[in-house]
PDB file of N, CA and C in Angstrom:
ATOM      1  N   MET A   1      24.656  -2.468  34.723  1.00  0.00           N
ATOM      2  CA  MET A   1      22.876  -2.460  34.631  1.00  0.00           C
ATOM      3  C   MET A   1      22.148  -2.047  36.180  1.00  0.00           C
ATOM      4  N   LYS A   2      22.841  -2.843  36.819  1.00  0.00           N
ATOM      5  CA  LYS A   2      22.362  -2.554  38.443  1.00  0.00           C
ATOM      6  C   LYS A   2      22.044  -1.284  38.756  1.00  0.00           C
ATOM      7  N   GLU A   3      23.353  -0.330  38.379  1.00  0.00           N
ATOM      8  CA  GLU A   3      23.148   0.921  38.784  1.00  0.00           C
ATOM      9  C   GLU A   3      22.255   1.780  37.910  1.00  0.00           C
ATOM     10  N   LEU A   4      21.862   1.321  36.286  1.00  0.00           N
ATOM     11  CA  LEU A   4      20.963   1.802  35.325  1.00  0.00           C
ATOM     12  C   LEU A   4      19.651   2.179  36.019  1.00  0.00           C
ATOM     13  N   VAL A   5      19.104   0.771  36.670  1.00  0.00           N
ATOM     14  CA  VAL A   5      17.795   0.703  36.883  1.00  0.00           C
ATOM     15  C   VAL A   5      17.886   1.129  37.977  1.00  0.00           C
ATOM     16  N   GLU A   6      18.704   1.454  39.113  1.00  0.00           N
ATOM     17  CA  GLU A   6      18.849   2.135  40.286  1.00  0.00           C
ATOM     18  C   GLU A   6      18.276   3.410  40.092  1.00  0.00           C
ATOM     19  N   ILE A   7      19.062   3.914  39.057  1.00  0.00           N
ATOM     20  CA  ILE A   7      18.766   5.635  38.895  1.00  0.00           C
ATOM     21  C   ILE A   7      17.307   6.227  38.286  1.00  0.00           C
ATOM     22  N   LEU A   8      17.046   5.027  37.148  1.00  0.00           N
ATOM     23  CA  LEU A   8      16.102   5.434  36.351  1.00  0.00           C
ATOM     24  C   LEU A   8      14.205   5.195  37.307  1.00  0.00           C
ATOM     25  N   ALA A   9      14.656   4.124  38.824  1.00  0.00           N
ATOM     26  CA  ALA A   9      13.693   4.214  39.439  1.00  0.00           C
ATOM     27  C   ALA A   9      13.769   5.355  40.506  1.00  0.00           C
ATOM     28  N   LYS A  10      14.898   5.668  41.062  1.00  0.00           N
ATOM     29  CA  LYS A  10      14.673   6.657  41.933  1.00  0.00           C
ATOM     30  C   LYS A  10      14.610   8.150  41.352  1.00  0.00           C
ATOM     31  N   ALA A  11      14.652   8.385  40.225  1.00  0.00           N
ATOM     32  CA  ALA A  11      14.153   9.523  39.350  1.00  0.00           C
ATOM     33  C   ALA A  11      12.555   9.261  39.350  1.00  0.00           C
ATOM     34  N   LEU A  12      12.084   8.181  39.374  1.00  0.00           N
ATOM     35  CA  LEU A  12      10.545   8.072  39.374  1.00  0.00           C
ATOM     36  C   LEU A  12       9.915   8.222  40.300  1.00  0.00           C
ATOM     37  N   VAL A  13      10.279   7.626  41.345  1.00  0.00           N
ATOM     38  CA  VAL A  13       9.451   7.695  42.785  1.00  0.00           C
ATOM     39  C   VAL A  13       9.254   8.763  43.832  1.00  0.00           C
ATOM     40  N   ASP A  14       8.987   8.743  44.830  1.00  0.00           N
ATOM     41  CA  ASP A  14       8.363   9.922  45.812  1.00  0.00           C
ATOM     42  C   ASP A  14       9.635   9.029  46.825  1.00  0.00           C
ATOM     43  N   GLN A  15       9.633   8.305  47.000  1.00  0.00           N
ATOM     44  CA  GLN A  15      10.811   7.545  48.267  1.00  0.00           C
ATOM     45  C   GLN A  15      11.904   6.765  47.433  1.00  0.00           C
ATOM     46  N   PRO A  16      12.702   7.440  47.268  1.00  0.00           N
ATOM     47  CA  PRO A  16      13.620   6.827  46.465  1.00  0.00           C
ATOM     48  C   PRO A  16      14.497   6.000  47.362  1.00  0.00           C
ATOM     49  N   GLU A  17      14.704   6.301  48.905  1.00  0.00           N
ATOM     50  CA  GLU A  17      15.436   5.483  49.773  1.00  0.00           C
ATOM     51  C   GLU A  17      15.195   4.208  49.689  1.00  0.00           C
ATOM     52  N   LYS A  18      13.594   4.239  49.473  1.00  0.00           N
ATOM     53  CA  LYS A  18      13.215   2.732  49.622  1.00  0.00           C
ATOM     54  C   LYS A  18      13.550   1.610  48.304  1.00  0.00           C
ATOM     55  N   VAL A  19      14.132   2.256  47.035  1.00  0.00           N
ATOM     56  CA  VAL A  19      14.323   1.758  46.252  1.00  0.00           C
ATOM     57  C   VAL A  19      15.585   0.193  46.257  1.00  0.00           C
ATOM     58  N   ASN A  20      15.056  -0.855  45.849  1.00  0.00           N
ATOM     59  CA  ASN A  20      15.999  -1.630  46.124  1.00  0.00           C
ATOM     60  C   ASN A  20      16.394  -2.578  44.660  1.00  0.00           C
ATOM     61  N   VAL A  21      17.770  -2.847  44.583  1.00  0.00           N
ATOM     62  CA  VAL A  21      17.685  -3.630  43.055  1.00  0.00           C
ATOM     63  C   VAL A  21      18.778  -4.486  43.442  1.00  0.00           C
ATOM     64  N   HIS A  22      18.252  -5.939  42.763  1.00  0.00           N
ATOM     65  CA  HIS A  22      18.953  -6.854  43.412  1.00  0.00           C
ATOM     66  C   HIS A  22      19.320  -7.679  41.824  1.00  0.00           C
ATOM     67  N   LEU A  23      20.425  -7.924  41.764  1.00  0.00           N
ATOM     68  CA  LEU A  23      21.029  -8.476  40.345  1.00  0.00           C
ATOM     69  C   LEU A  23      21.242  -9.941  40.750  1.00  0.00           C
ATOM     70  N   VAL A  24      20.837 -10.999  40.040  1.00  0.00           N
ATOM     71  CA  VAL A  24      20.684 -12.354  40.110  1.00  0.00           C
ATOM     72  C   VAL A  24      21.302 -12.868  38.350  1.00  0.00           C
ATOM     73  N   GLU A  25      22.573 -13.173  38.229  1.00  0.00           N
ATOM     74  CA  GLU A  25      23.079 -13.776  37.043  1.00  0.00           C
ATOM     75  C   GLU A  25      23.178 -15.169  37.369  1.00  0.00           C
ATOM     76  N   LYS A  26      22.922 -15.551  36.273  1.00  0.00           N
ATOM     77  CA  LYS A  26      22.383 -16.710  35.427  1.00  0.00           C
ATOM     78  C   LYS A  26      23.258 -17.210  34.671  1.00  0.00           C
ATOM     79  N   GLU A  27      23.458 -18.436  33.731  1.00  0.00           N
ATOM     80  CA  GLU A  27      24.453 -18.967  32.916  1.00  0.00           C
ATOM     81  C   GLU A  27      24.201 -17.976  31.805  1.00  0.00           C
ATOM     82  N   LYS A  28      23.219 -17.838  31.040  1.00  0.00           N
ATOM     83  CA  LYS A  28      22.789 -16.997  29.803  1.00  0.00           C
ATOM     84  C   LYS A  28      21.990 -15.990  30.183  1.00  0.00           C
ATOM     85  N   SER A  29      21.806 -15.720  31.310  1.00  0.00           N
ATOM     86  CA  SER A  29      20.643 -14.518  31.784  1.00  0.00           C
ATOM     87  C   SER A  29      20.941 -13.601  32.867  1.00  0.00           C
ATOM     88  N   ILE A  30      20.391 -12.697  32.552  1.00  0.00           N
ATOM     89  CA  ILE A  30      20.613 -11.853  34.206  1.00  0.00           C
ATOM     90  C   ILE A  30      19.566 -11.458  34.271  1.00  0.00           C
ATOM     91  N   VAL A  31      18.733 -11.354  35.925  1.00  0.00           N
ATOM     92  CA  VAL A  31      17.703 -11.120  36.145  1.00  0.00           C
ATOM     93  C   VAL A  31      17.624  -9.878  37.094  1.00  0.00           C
ATOM     94  N   ILE A  32      17.159  -8.781  36.843  1.00  0.00           N
ATOM     95  CA  ILE A  32      17.245  -7.651  37.672  1.00  0.00           C
ATOM     96  C   ILE A  32      16.084  -7.361  38.417  1.00  0.00           C
ATOM     97  N   GLU A  33      15.866  -7.590  40.004  1.00  0.00           N
ATOM     98  CA  GLU A  33      14.786  -7.350  40.732  1.00  0.00           C
ATOM     99  C   GLU A  33      14.451  -5.900  41.322  1.00  0.00           C
ATOM    100  N   LEU A  34      13.614  -5.326  40.868  1.00  0.00           N
ATOM    101  CA  LEU A  34      13.363  -3.957  41.439  1.00  0.00           C
ATOM    102  C   LEU A  34      12.251  -3.904  42.440  1.00  0.00           C
ATOM    103  N   LYS A  35      12.767  -3.397  43.558  1.00  0.00           N
ATOM    104  CA  LYS A  35      11.571  -3.361  44.747  1.00  0.00           C
ATOM    105  C   LYS A  35      11.389  -2.021  45.268  1.00  0.00           C
ATOM    106  N   VAL A  36      10.532  -1.399  45.161  1.00  0.00           N
ATOM    107  CA  VAL A  36      10.008   0.093  45.597  1.00  0.00           C
ATOM    108  C   VAL A  36       8.931   0.265  46.392  1.00  0.00           C
ATOM    109  N   ALA A  37       8.738   0.905  47.055  1.00  0.00           N
ATOM    110  CA  ALA A  37       7.759   1.150  47.910  1.00  0.00           C
ATOM    111  C   ALA A  37       6.475   1.034  47.565  1.00  0.00           C
ATOM    112  N   GLN A  38       5.448   0.563  48.037  1.00  0.00           N
ATOM    113  CA  GLN A  38       4.246  -0.080  47.864  1.00  0.00           C
ATOM    114  C   GLN A  38       3.440   0.997  47.192  1.00  0.00           C
ATOM    115  N   GLU A  39       3.476   2.550  47.869  1.00  0.00           N
ATOM    116  CA  GLU A  39       2.574   3.707  47.107  1.00  0.00           C
ATOM    117  C   GLU A  39       3.291   3.990  45.894  1.00  0.00           C
ATOM    118  N   ASP A  40       4.552   3.658  45.317  1.00  0.00           N
ATOM    119  CA  ASP A  40       5.182   3.848  44.131  1.00  0.00           C
ATOM    120  C   ASP A  40       5.120   3.295  42.943  1.00  0.00           C
ATOM    121  N   ILE A  41       4.474   1.870  43.655  1.00  0.00           N
ATOM    122  CA  ILE A  41       4.678   0.479  42.078  1.00  0.00           C
ATOM    123  C   ILE A  41       3.982   1.262  41.027  1.00  0.00           C
ATOM    124  N   GLY A  42       2.898   2.147  41.212  1.00  0.00           N
ATOM    125  CA  GLY A  42       1.898   2.400  40.076  1.00  0.00           C
ATOM    126  C   GLY A  42       3.192   3.398  39.220  1.00  0.00           C
ATOM    127  N   LYS A  43       3.821   4.439  39.872  1.00  0.00           N
ATOM    128  CA  LYS A  43       4.868   5.337  39.173  1.00  0.00           C
ATOM    129  C   LYS A  43       5.598   4.651  38.415  1.00  0.00           C
ATOM    130  N   VAL A  44       6.408   3.261  38.704  1.00  0.00           N
ATOM    131  CA  VAL A  44       7.425   2.350  38.220  1.00  0.00           C
ATOM    132  C   VAL A  44       6.569   1.534  37.085  1.00  0.00           C
ATOM    133  N   ILE A  45       5.587   1.454  37.239  1.00  0.00           N
ATOM    134  CA  ILE A  45       4.997   0.428  36.148  1.00  0.00           C
ATOM    135  C   ILE A  45       3.812   1.384  35.334  1.00  0.00           C
ATOM    136  N   GLY A  46       3.038   2.439  35.404  1.00  0.00           N
ATOM    137  CA  GLY A  46       2.902   3.447  34.819  1.00  0.00           C
ATOM    138  C   GLY A  46       1.643   2.923  33.973  1.00  0.00           C
ATOM    139  N   LYS A  47       0.928   3.781  33.320  1.00  0.00           N
ATOM    140  CA  LYS A  47      -0.361   3.388  32.612  1.00  0.00           C
ATOM    141  C   LYS A  47       0.086   2.388  31.880  1.00  0.00           C
ATOM    142  N   GLN A  48      -0.866   1.117  31.739  1.00  0.00           N
ATOM    143  CA  GLN A  48      -0.457   0.367  30.848  1.00  0.00           C
ATOM    144  C   GLN A  48       0.769  -0.114  30.390  1.00  0.00           C
ATOM    145  N   GLY A  49       1.210  -0.421  31.741  1.00  0.00           N
ATOM    146  CA  GLY A  49       2.914  -1.086  31.585  1.00  0.00           C
ATOM    147  C   GLY A  49       3.741  -0.236  30.700  1.00  0.00           C
ATOM    148  N   ARG A  50       3.606   1.264  30.337  1.00  0.00           N
ATOM    149  CA  ARG A  50       4.377   1.957  29.465  1.00  0.00           C
ATOM    150  C   ARG A  50       5.909   2.001  30.258  1.00  0.00           C
ATOM    151  N   ILE A  51       5.832   3.092  31.401  1.00  0.00           N
ATOM    152  CA  ILE A  51       6.900   3.047  31.996  1.00  0.00           C
ATOM    153  C   ILE A  51       7.902   2.006  32.137  1.00  0.00           C
ATOM    154  N   ALA A  52       7.319   0.845  32.894  1.00  0.00           N
ATOM    155  CA  ALA A  52       8.114  -0.474  32.899  1.00  0.00           C
ATOM    156  C   ALA A  52       8.587  -1.201  31.382  1.00  0.00           C
ATOM    157  N   ARG A  53       8.161  -0.851  30.580  1.00  0.00           N
ATOM    158  CA  ARG A  53       8.392  -1.412  29.069  1.00  0.00           C
ATOM    159  C   ARG A  53       9.575  -0.610  28.879  1.00  0.00           C
ATOM    160  N   ALA A  54       9.576   0.761  28.960  1.00  0.00           N
ATOM    161  CA  ALA A  54      10.413   1.624  28.539  1.00  0.00           C
ATOM    162  C   ALA A  54      11.912   1.237  29.207  1.00  0.00           C
ATOM    163  N   ILE A  55      11.490   1.169  30.571  1.00  0.00           N
ATOM    164  CA  ILE A  55      12.750   0.876  31.356  1.00  0.00           C
ATOM    165  C   ILE A  55      13.776  -0.618  31.059  1.00  0.00           C
ATOM    166  N   ARG A  56      12.449  -1.719  30.662  1.00  0.00           N
ATOM    167  CA  ARG A  56      13.439  -2.660  30.133  1.00  0.00           C
ATOM    168  C   ARG A  56      13.716  -2.497  29.311  1.00  0.00           C
ATOM    169  N   THR A  57      13.078  -1.562  28.045  1.00  0.00           N
ATOM    170  CA  THR A  57      13.757  -1.386  26.651  1.00  0.00           C
ATOM    171  C   THR A  57      15.131  -0.523  26.707  1.00  0.00           C
ATOM    172  N   VAL A  58      15.765   0.035  27.732  1.00  0.00           N
ATOM    173  CA  VAL A  58      17.049   0.762  28.223  1.00  0.00           C
ATOM    174  C   VAL A  58      17.555  -0.309  28.431  1.00  0.00           C
ATOM    175  N   VAL A  59      17.257  -1.076  29.293  1.00  0.00           N
ATOM    176  CA  VAL A  59      18.232  -1.791  30.019  1.00  0.00           C
ATOM    177  C   VAL A  59      18.349  -2.726  28.827  1.00  0.00           C
ATOM    178  N   LYS A  60      17.427  -3.518  27.859  1.00  0.00           N
ATOM    179  CA  LYS A  60      17.915  -4.651  26.969  1.00  0.00           C
ATOM    180  C   LYS A  60      18.925  -3.609  25.984  1.00  0.00           C
ATOM    181  N   ALA A  61      19.245  -2.690  26.134  1.00  0.00           N
ATOM    182  CA  ALA A  61      20.223  -1.761  24.914  1.00  0.00           C
ATOM    183  C   ALA A  61      21.266  -1.846  25.636  1.00  0.00           C
ATOM    184  N   ALA A  62      21.110  -1.351  26.745  1.00  0.00           N
ATOM    185  CA  ALA A  62      22.420  -1.459  27.311  1.00  0.00           C
ATOM    186  C   ALA A  62      23.352  -2.987  27.606  1.00  0.00           C
ATOM    187  N   ALA A  63      22.417  -3.880  27.945  1.00  0.00           N
ATOM    188  CA  ALA A  63      22.838  -5.327  27.967  1.00  0.00           C
ATOM    189  C   ALA A  63      23.491  -5.893  26.647  1.00  0.00           C
ATOM    190  N   THR A  64      23.766  -5.375  25.314  1.00  0.00           N
ATOM    191  CA  THR A  64      23.934  -5.684  24.355  1.00  0.00           C
ATOM    192  C   THR A  64      25.332  -6.248  24.321  1.00  0.00           C
ATOM    193  N   LYS A  65      26.037  -5.437  25.119  1.00  0.00           N
ATOM    194  CA  LYS A  65      27.618  -5.584  25.424  1.00  0.00           C
ATOM    195  C   LYS A  65      27.683  -6.734  26.203  1.00  0.00           C
ATOM    196  N   HIS A  66      27.182  -7.038  26.900  1.00  0.00           N
ATOM    197  CA  HIS A  66      27.222  -8.247  27.854  1.00  0.00           C
ATOM    198  C   HIS A  66      26.834  -9.844  26.664  1.00  0.00           C
ATOM    199  N   LYS A  67      25.738  -9.639  25.892  1.00  0.00           N
ATOM    200  CA  LYS A  67      25.545 -10.716  25.115  1.00  0.00           C
ATOM    201  C   LYS A  67      25.016 -11.810  25.716  1.00  0.00           C
ATOM    202  N   LYS A  68      23.805 -11.009  26.474  1.00  0.00           N
ATOM    203  CA  LYS A  68      23.147 -11.971  27.700  1.00  0.00           C
ATOM    204  C   LYS A  68      21.580 -11.481  27.120  1.00  0.00           C
ATOM    205  N   ARG A  69      20.536 -12.230  27.962  1.00  0.00           N
ATOM    206  CA  ARG A  69      19.239 -11.724  27.767  1.00  0.00           C
ATOM    207  C   ARG A  69      19.267 -11.369  29.290  1.00  0.00           C
ATOM    208  N   VAL A  70      18.659 -10.010  29.439  1.00  0.00           N
ATOM    209  CA  VAL A  70      18.043  -9.083  30.794  1.00  0.00           C
ATOM    210  C   VAL A  70      16.831  -9.145  30.963  1.00  0.00           C
ATOM    211  N   LEU A  71      16.196  -9.556  31.774  1.00  0.00           N
ATOM    212  CA  LEU A  71      15.017  -9.371  32.416  1.00  0.00           C
ATOM    213  C   LEU A  71      14.865  -8.526  33.812  1.00  0.00           C
ATOM    214  N   VAL A  72      14.252  -7.581  33.796  1.00  0.00           N
ATOM    215  CA  VAL A  72      13.922  -6.732  34.661  1.00  0.00           C
ATOM    216  C   VAL A  72      12.217  -7.269  35.488  1.00  0.00           C
ATOM    217  N   GLU A  73      12.396  -7.193  36.396  1.00  0.00           N
ATOM    218  CA  GLU A  73      11.287  -7.851  37.244  1.00  0.00           C
ATOM    219  C   GLU A  73      10.743  -6.642  38.498  1.00  0.00           C
ATOM    220  N   ILE A  74       9.648  -6.202  38.549  1.00  0.00           N
ATOM    221  CA  ILE A  74       9.356  -5.494  39.308  1.00  0.00           C
ATOM    222  C   ILE A  74       8.509  -6.435  40.422  1.00  0.00           C
ATOM    223  N   VAL A  75       8.838  -6.473  41.923  1.00  0.00           N
ATOM    224  CA  VAL A  75       8.571  -6.873  42.708  1.00  0.00           C
ATOM    225  C   VAL A  75       8.090  -6.027  43.736  1.00  0.00           C
TER     226      VAL A  75
END
């Protein structure tokens, strides 16, 4: 899932080398922290959060195999 978020984020931003994805695995959940360059935050979030919501939806669909709750945080 970490790779999925990284691929999606790199496709959206102007500075793909500054994309950093960190995975924190807890007992019943997985937290994926996405960091991008300051100039690219708007591109990852999108108007009214639509792109961020779409990224979260895709990751949740991919996480059904692991039977854990997945949270994507944009830092």
